[in-house]
Amino acid sequence: MNIDSSIITTTLQATIRAGTPLLFTVLGDIFTERSGVMNLGLEGLMLVGAISGFAVSYSTGNLFLAVIAAMIAGALLGAVHAFFTVTLRINQVVSGLAITMLGTGISGLWGKGYIGVVAAQFKTLEIPFLSKIPFIGSVLFSHDILVYISYLLVPLMWFYIYKTKPGMILRAVGESPAAADARGINVFMVRYFYTMLGGAITALGGAYLSLAYTSMWIENMTAGRGWIGIALVLFATWDPAKAMFGAYLFGGVTALGLRMQAAGTTISSHILMMFPYILTVAVLFFTSTEKIKLKVGAPAALGVPYSREEKT
């Protein structure tokens, strides 16, 4: 009985750890897409965040500076995406794919000198009293500080989006930029701000991989998590609370696959590693049509460039 309980506890802990980078990524993209800007560059943003955070951690040993550096790098790459999509109004899908390739290239080139070295890493920080709660305490409150930040970010984002005036403005711009513009809202500024903010939070998901999940830089260490994040935004219907459930669901699939490998299952490890991506394809398949997207709550102006000259 004790052995079974221990296995369940460690698997659930691994679920949260595996789901945290996805959670940051999805939350960041929710901000961006709520403003009407589609971003398929999550993989590139995560990789830039991962290498930026790791490089600063290795150079300074200061994890706080490492996190700030990762978020700044993500915001800057988000600004590039905003410039192309908001100012130049080029196709948002094309720009997002370009951001992925740019981020992958930057991280690969920058990271060559860091392969094989170890940097400072976030350690487990047990929360007094809460971590002592039977079962739940060890599962939820025996993690590093970035996990706790992700816990707090979800309700804060939900409240911000649905219960505050800035959140109402964000949703208005994503639903009808022309109507928002007519009310005196600067649509371009709003889209720039949330594309950069979303890039910063998404990059934090990448930084989690290099500063907490491991303490090493590995080229392409995101391993497709950015693409999973795109599917999770659809799965979560652009809602932070549902994003948490979706991220941990995918994290659980990953953790379960690793646990089955460790238990010596006869199932091929390659098949087990495919589970999260199979689930991603399934989500994209069932939510890919425009009709379904609108039905589940996609911003009406998502992916549509806005121009004052084209207002009706």
Protein backbone atom coordinates (compact mmCIF):
# COMPACT_ATOMS: atom_id res chain seq x y z
CA MET A 1 0.00 0.00 0.00
CA ASN A 2 2.80 2.42 0.88
CA ILE A 3 4.61 1.61 -2.34
CA ASP A 4 1.49 2.29 -4.40
CA SER A 5 0.88 5.58 -2.62
CA SER A 6 4.49 6.62 -3.21
CA ILE A 7 4.24 5.84 -6.91
CA ILE A 8 1.03 7.87 -7.24
CA THR A 9 2.55 10.81 -5.37
CA THR A 10 5.74 10.91 -7.43
CA THR A 11 3.76 10.55 -10.66
CA LEU A 12 1.50 13.47 -9.75
CA GLN A 13 4.52 15.56 -8.76
CA ALA A 14 6.07 14.75 -12.13
CA THR A 15 2.78 15.70 -13.80
CA ILE A 16 2.92 19.20 -12.33
CA ARG A 17 6.59 19.61 -13.22
CA ALA A 18 5.99 18.45 -16.80
CA GLY A 19 2.87 20.60 -17.11
CA THR A 20 4.37 23.84 -15.77
CA PRO A 21 6.31 24.88 -18.91
CA LEU A 22 3.19 24.16 -20.96
CA LEU A 23 1.09 26.21 -18.55
CA PHE A 24 3.31 29.29 -18.86
CA THR A 25 3.32 28.88 -22.63
CA VAL A 26 -0.45 28.62 -22.93
CA LEU A 27 -1.10 31.51 -20.53
CA GLY A 28 1.22 33.72 -22.55
CA ASP A 29 -0.47 32.83 -25.81
CA ILE A 30 -3.91 33.42 -24.31
CA PHE A 31 -2.94 37.04 -23.65
CA THR A 32 -1.65 37.42 -27.20
CA GLU A 33 -4.57 35.76 -28.96
CA ARG A 34 -7.18 37.47 -26.80
CA SER A 35 -5.98 40.69 -28.46
CA GLY A 36 -6.64 39.19 -31.91
CA VAL A 37 -3.04 38.33 -32.80
CA MET A 38 -2.43 34.69 -33.69
CA ASN A 39 1.01 33.45 -32.65
CA LEU A 40 2.39 30.16 -33.94
CA GLY A 41 5.89 31.08 -32.79
CA LEU A 42 5.61 29.57 -29.30
CA GLU A 43 8.38 27.04 -29.92
CA GLY A 44 10.80 29.79 -30.88
CA LEU A 45 9.79 31.95 -27.92
CA MET A 46 10.31 29.06 -25.51
CA LEU A 47 13.75 28.27 -26.93
CA VAL A 48 14.88 31.90 -26.71
CA GLY A 49 13.63 32.03 -23.12
CA ALA A 50 15.43 28.79 -22.28
CA ILE A 51 18.83 29.86 -23.64
CA SER A 52 18.58 33.44 -22.33
CA GLY A 53 17.74 32.29 -18.83
CA PHE A 54 20.41 29.59 -18.85
CA ALA A 55 23.13 31.90 -20.18
CA VAL A 56 22.47 34.53 -17.51
CA SER A 57 22.22 31.90 -14.78
CA TYR A 58 25.54 30.38 -15.84
CA SER A 59 27.26 33.78 -16.11
CA THR A 60 25.94 35.37 -12.92
CA GLY A 61 24.58 32.57 -10.75
CA ASN A 62 21.57 34.82 -10.13
CA LEU A 63 18.31 33.03 -10.93
CA PHE A 64 16.20 36.17 -10.54
CA LEU A 65 18.23 37.92 -13.24
CA ALA A 66 18.01 34.77 -15.37
CA VAL A 67 14.20 34.83 -15.26
CA ILE A 68 14.10 38.57 -16.06
CA ALA A 69 16.50 38.04 -18.99
CA ALA A 70 14.34 35.22 -20.36
CA MET A 71 11.20 37.33 -20.17
CA ILE A 72 12.89 40.33 -21.80
CA ALA A 73 14.12 38.11 -24.64
CA GLY A 74 10.59 36.75 -25.10
CA ALA A 75 9.12 40.26 -25.08
CA LEU A 76 11.60 41.43 -27.71
CA LEU A 77 10.81 38.49 -29.98
CA GLY A 78 7.13 39.18 -29.36
CA ALA A 79 7.73 42.77 -30.46
CA VAL A 80 9.17 41.47 -33.72
CA HIS A 81 6.01 39.42 -34.28
CA ALA A 82 3.86 42.46 -33.41
CA PHE A 83 5.78 44.64 -35.85
CA PHE A 84 5.17 42.23 -38.71
CA THR A 85 1.54 41.46 -37.89
CA VAL A 86 0.23 44.71 -36.39
CA THR A 87 2.28 47.38 -38.17
CA LEU A 88 3.04 45.67 -41.50
CA ARG A 89 -0.11 43.51 -41.35
CA ILE A 90 1.50 40.49 -42.96
CA ASN A 91 -0.03 37.03 -42.64
CA GLN A 92 0.05 36.07 -38.94
CA VAL A 93 0.59 32.38 -39.63
CA VAL A 94 3.64 33.13 -41.77
CA SER A 95 5.04 35.52 -39.16
CA GLY A 96 4.51 32.97 -36.38
CA LEU A 97 6.34 30.28 -38.30
CA ALA A 98 9.16 32.75 -38.98
CA ILE A 99 9.38 33.49 -35.23
CA THR A 100 9.72 29.77 -34.56
CA MET A 101 12.56 29.45 -37.07
CA LEU A 102 14.23 32.63 -35.80
CA GLY A 103 14.02 31.54 -32.18
CA THR A 104 15.30 28.08 -33.02
CA GLY A 105 18.22 29.53 -34.95
CA ILE A 106 19.14 32.08 -32.27
CA SER A 107 19.02 29.51 -29.48
CA GLY A 108 21.03 26.96 -31.48
CA LEU A 109 23.76 29.46 -32.33
CA TRP A 110 23.87 31.10 -28.90
CA GLY A 111 23.68 27.79 -27.08
CA LYS A 112 26.67 26.12 -28.75
CA GLY A 113 29.01 27.43 -26.07
CA TYR A 114 26.79 26.16 -23.25
CA ILE A 115 26.37 22.54 -24.25
CA GLY A 116 27.58 20.26 -21.47
CA VAL A 117 27.87 22.92 -18.75
CA VAL A 118 25.73 23.21 -15.61
CA ALA A 119 24.15 26.42 -14.29
CA ALA A 120 22.37 27.42 -11.09
CA GLN A 121 18.97 25.77 -10.76
CA PHE A 122 15.79 26.48 -8.83
CA LYS A 123 15.56 24.14 -5.85
CA THR A 124 12.51 22.60 -4.24
CA LEU A 125 10.94 25.00 -1.76
CA GLU A 126 8.45 23.34 0.54
CA ILE A 127 5.70 25.67 1.78
CA PRO A 128 5.43 25.49 5.58
CA PHE A 129 2.32 23.75 6.89
CA LEU A 130 0.80 23.28 3.41
CA SER A 131 3.51 20.82 2.36
CA LYS A 132 2.68 18.71 5.43
CA ILE A 133 -0.91 18.08 4.40
CA PRO A 134 -1.21 14.33 3.76
CA PHE A 135 -0.85 13.45 0.07
CA ILE A 136 -1.97 16.85 -1.29
CA GLY A 137 0.88 18.67 0.44
CA SER A 138 3.63 16.63 -1.17
CA VAL A 139 1.92 16.75 -4.57
CA LEU A 140 1.15 20.47 -4.74
CA PHE A 141 3.44 22.23 -2.30
CA SER A 142 6.85 20.60 -2.68
CA HIS A 143 8.08 22.31 -5.82
CA ASP A 144 10.26 25.22 -6.91
CA ILE A 145 9.12 28.83 -6.83
CA LEU A 146 8.29 28.98 -10.56
CA VAL A 147 5.62 26.34 -10.04
CA TYR A 148 4.06 28.44 -7.27
CA ILE A 149 4.17 31.49 -9.53
CA SER A 150 2.25 29.52 -12.15
CA TYR A 151 -0.36 28.61 -9.51
CA LEU A 152 -0.88 32.31 -8.75
CA LEU A 153 -0.79 33.44 -12.36
CA VAL A 154 -3.85 31.42 -13.34
CA PRO A 155 -6.42 33.06 -11.00
CA LEU A 156 -4.81 36.47 -11.46
CA MET A 157 -5.10 36.19 -15.24
CA TRP A 158 -8.67 34.94 -15.02
CA PHE A 159 -9.67 37.85 -12.79
CA TYR A 160 -7.80 40.33 -14.99
CA ILE A 161 -9.39 39.14 -18.25
CA TYR A 162 -12.97 38.78 -17.03
CA LYS A 163 -13.35 41.20 -14.12
CA THR A 164 -11.28 44.30 -14.84
CA LYS A 165 -11.56 47.20 -17.26
CA PRO A 166 -8.18 46.49 -18.95
CA GLY A 167 -9.34 42.89 -19.43
CA MET A 168 -12.57 44.13 -20.99
CA ILE A 169 -10.52 46.30 -23.35
CA LEU A 170 -8.35 43.30 -24.24
CA ARG A 171 -11.39 41.20 -25.09
CA ALA A 172 -13.02 44.04 -27.02
CA VAL A 173 -9.96 44.46 -29.24
CA GLY A 174 -9.91 40.72 -29.91
CA GLU A 175 -13.60 40.58 -30.72
CA SER A 176 -14.12 43.76 -32.74
CA PRO A 177 -11.12 46.05 -33.19
CA ALA A 178 -13.16 48.49 -35.31
CA ALA A 179 -15.73 48.94 -32.55
CA ALA A 180 -12.97 49.28 -29.96
CA ASP A 181 -11.23 51.88 -32.12
CA ALA A 182 -14.49 53.81 -32.43
CA ARG A 183 -14.64 53.96 -28.63
CA GLY A 184 -11.21 55.58 -28.52
CA ILE A 185 -9.16 52.46 -27.71
CA ASN A 186 -5.73 52.35 -29.33
CA VAL A 187 -6.00 48.93 -31.01
CA PHE A 188 -2.40 48.93 -32.20
CA MET A 189 -0.98 49.71 -28.77
CA VAL A 190 -3.13 47.04 -27.12
CA ARG A 191 -2.03 44.41 -29.62
CA TYR A 192 1.62 45.37 -29.31
CA PHE A 193 1.48 45.26 -25.51
CA TYR A 194 -0.20 41.87 -25.21
CA THR A 195 1.91 40.28 -27.94
CA MET A 196 5.02 41.35 -26.03
CA LEU A 197 3.55 40.35 -22.65
CA GLY A 198 2.48 36.99 -24.06
CA GLY A 199 5.97 36.49 -25.49
CA ALA A 200 7.52 37.21 -22.08
CA ILE A 201 5.29 34.70 -20.27
CA THR A 202 5.79 32.07 -22.97
CA ALA A 203 9.57 32.53 -22.72
CA LEU A 204 9.25 31.91 -18.98
CA GLY A 205 7.96 28.46 -19.90
CA GLY A 206 11.17 27.85 -21.81
CA ALA A 207 13.25 29.22 -18.93
CA TYR A 208 11.55 26.74 -16.61
CA LEU A 209 12.97 23.91 -18.69
CA SER A 210 16.59 25.12 -18.40
CA LEU A 211 16.45 26.56 -14.87
CA ALA A 212 14.17 24.17 -12.98
CA TYR A 213 13.25 21.07 -14.99
CA THR A 214 16.95 20.51 -15.73
CA SER A 215 20.09 22.52 -15.00
CA MET A 216 21.60 22.10 -18.45
CA TRP A 217 21.18 23.58 -21.90
CA ILE A 218 20.22 21.07 -24.57
CA GLU A 219 19.67 22.20 -28.13
CA ASN A 220 15.96 22.12 -29.07
CA MET A 221 15.20 21.15 -25.46
CA THR A 222 11.56 22.25 -25.83
CA ALA A 223 11.01 19.11 -27.94
CA GLY A 224 7.83 20.38 -29.57
CA ARG A 225 6.20 21.76 -26.42
CA GLY A 226 5.50 25.03 -28.24
CA TRP A 227 3.39 23.19 -30.80
CA ILE A 228 1.57 21.36 -28.00
CA GLY A 229 0.93 24.78 -26.46
CA ILE A 230 -0.83 25.94 -29.62
CA ALA A 231 -3.21 23.00 -29.37
CA LEU A 232 -3.72 23.60 -25.67
CA VAL A 233 -4.88 27.17 -26.29
CA LEU A 234 -7.68 25.73 -28.41
CA PHE A 235 -8.33 23.00 -25.84
CA ALA A 236 -8.56 25.63 -23.08
CA THR A 237 -10.88 27.83 -25.18
CA TRP A 238 -8.68 30.85 -24.38
CA ASP A 239 -9.51 30.52 -20.67
CA PRO A 240 -6.70 30.51 -18.01
CA ALA A 241 -8.47 28.09 -15.66
CA LYS A 242 -9.02 25.53 -18.41
CA ALA A 243 -5.42 26.09 -19.49
CA MET A 244 -4.22 24.80 -16.13
CA PHE A 245 -6.29 21.63 -16.51
CA GLY A 246 -5.09 21.09 -20.07
CA ALA A 247 -1.42 21.67 -19.23
CA TYR A 248 -1.52 19.17 -16.37
CA LEU A 249 -3.43 16.69 -18.53
CA PHE A 250 -0.68 16.78 -21.13
CA GLY A 251 1.94 16.81 -18.38
CA GLY A 252 0.31 13.72 -16.89
CA VAL A 253 0.49 11.91 -20.22
CA THR A 254 4.22 12.73 -20.40
CA ALA A 255 4.85 11.71 -16.78
CA LEU A 256 2.91 8.48 -17.21
CA GLY A 257 4.96 7.58 -20.27
CA LEU A 258 8.20 8.15 -18.36
CA ARG A 259 6.90 6.17 -15.39
CA MET A 260 5.97 3.25 -17.63
CA GLN A 261 9.46 3.28 -19.14
CA ALA A 262 11.03 3.25 -15.68
CA ALA A 263 8.76 0.35 -14.68
CA GLY A 264 10.18 -1.71 -17.54
CA THR A 265 7.07 -1.91 -19.70
CA THR A 266 7.30 -3.93 -22.88
CA ILE A 267 5.75 -1.07 -24.87
CA SER A 268 8.32 0.67 -27.06
CA SER A 269 9.69 3.89 -25.54
CA HIS A 270 9.15 5.58 -28.90
CA ILE A 271 5.43 4.83 -28.71
CA LEU A 272 5.25 6.14 -25.15
CA MET A 273 6.99 9.36 -26.20
CA MET A 274 4.41 9.80 -28.96
CA PHE A 275 1.45 9.95 -26.53
CA PRO A 276 1.47 13.75 -25.92
CA TYR A 277 1.80 14.46 -29.63
CA ILE A 278 -0.98 12.04 -30.55
CA LEU A 279 -3.19 13.87 -28.06
CA THR A 280 -2.12 17.18 -29.63
CA VAL A 281 -3.11 16.01 -33.11
CA ALA A 282 -6.47 14.83 -31.75
CA VAL A 283 -7.16 18.23 -30.15
CA LEU A 284 -6.22 20.09 -33.35
CA PHE A 285 -8.37 17.74 -35.44
CA PHE A 286 -11.50 18.33 -33.37
CA THR A 287 -11.03 22.10 -33.02
CA SER A 288 -9.54 23.07 -36.36
CA THR A 289 -12.57 24.46 -38.21
CA GLU A 290 -13.53 28.13 -37.92
CA LYS A 291 -17.07 27.16 -36.90
CA ILE A 292 -15.82 25.12 -33.93
CA LYS A 293 -13.32 27.84 -32.93
CA LEU A 294 -16.07 30.45 -32.75
CA LYS A 295 -18.35 28.04 -30.93
CA VAL A 296 -15.76 27.36 -28.20
CA GLY A 297 -15.02 31.04 -27.71
CA ALA A 298 -12.21 32.05 -30.05
CA PRO A 299 -11.81 35.83 -30.37
CA ALA A 300 -13.79 36.83 -33.46
CA ALA A 301 -10.95 38.93 -34.90
CA LEU A 302 -8.22 36.37 -34.20
CA GLY A 303 -5.71 36.30 -37.04
CA VAL A 304 -7.31 39.26 -38.85
CA PRO A 305 -5.03 42.30 -39.40
CA TYR A 306 -6.65 45.60 -38.53
CA SER A 307 -6.45 48.81 -40.51
CA ARG A 308 -8.30 52.04 -39.80
CA GLU A 309 -8.60 52.65 -43.53
CA GLU A 310 -10.59 49.42 -43.91
CA LYS A 311 -13.15 50.15 -41.19
CA THR A 312 -16.76 49.81 -42.19
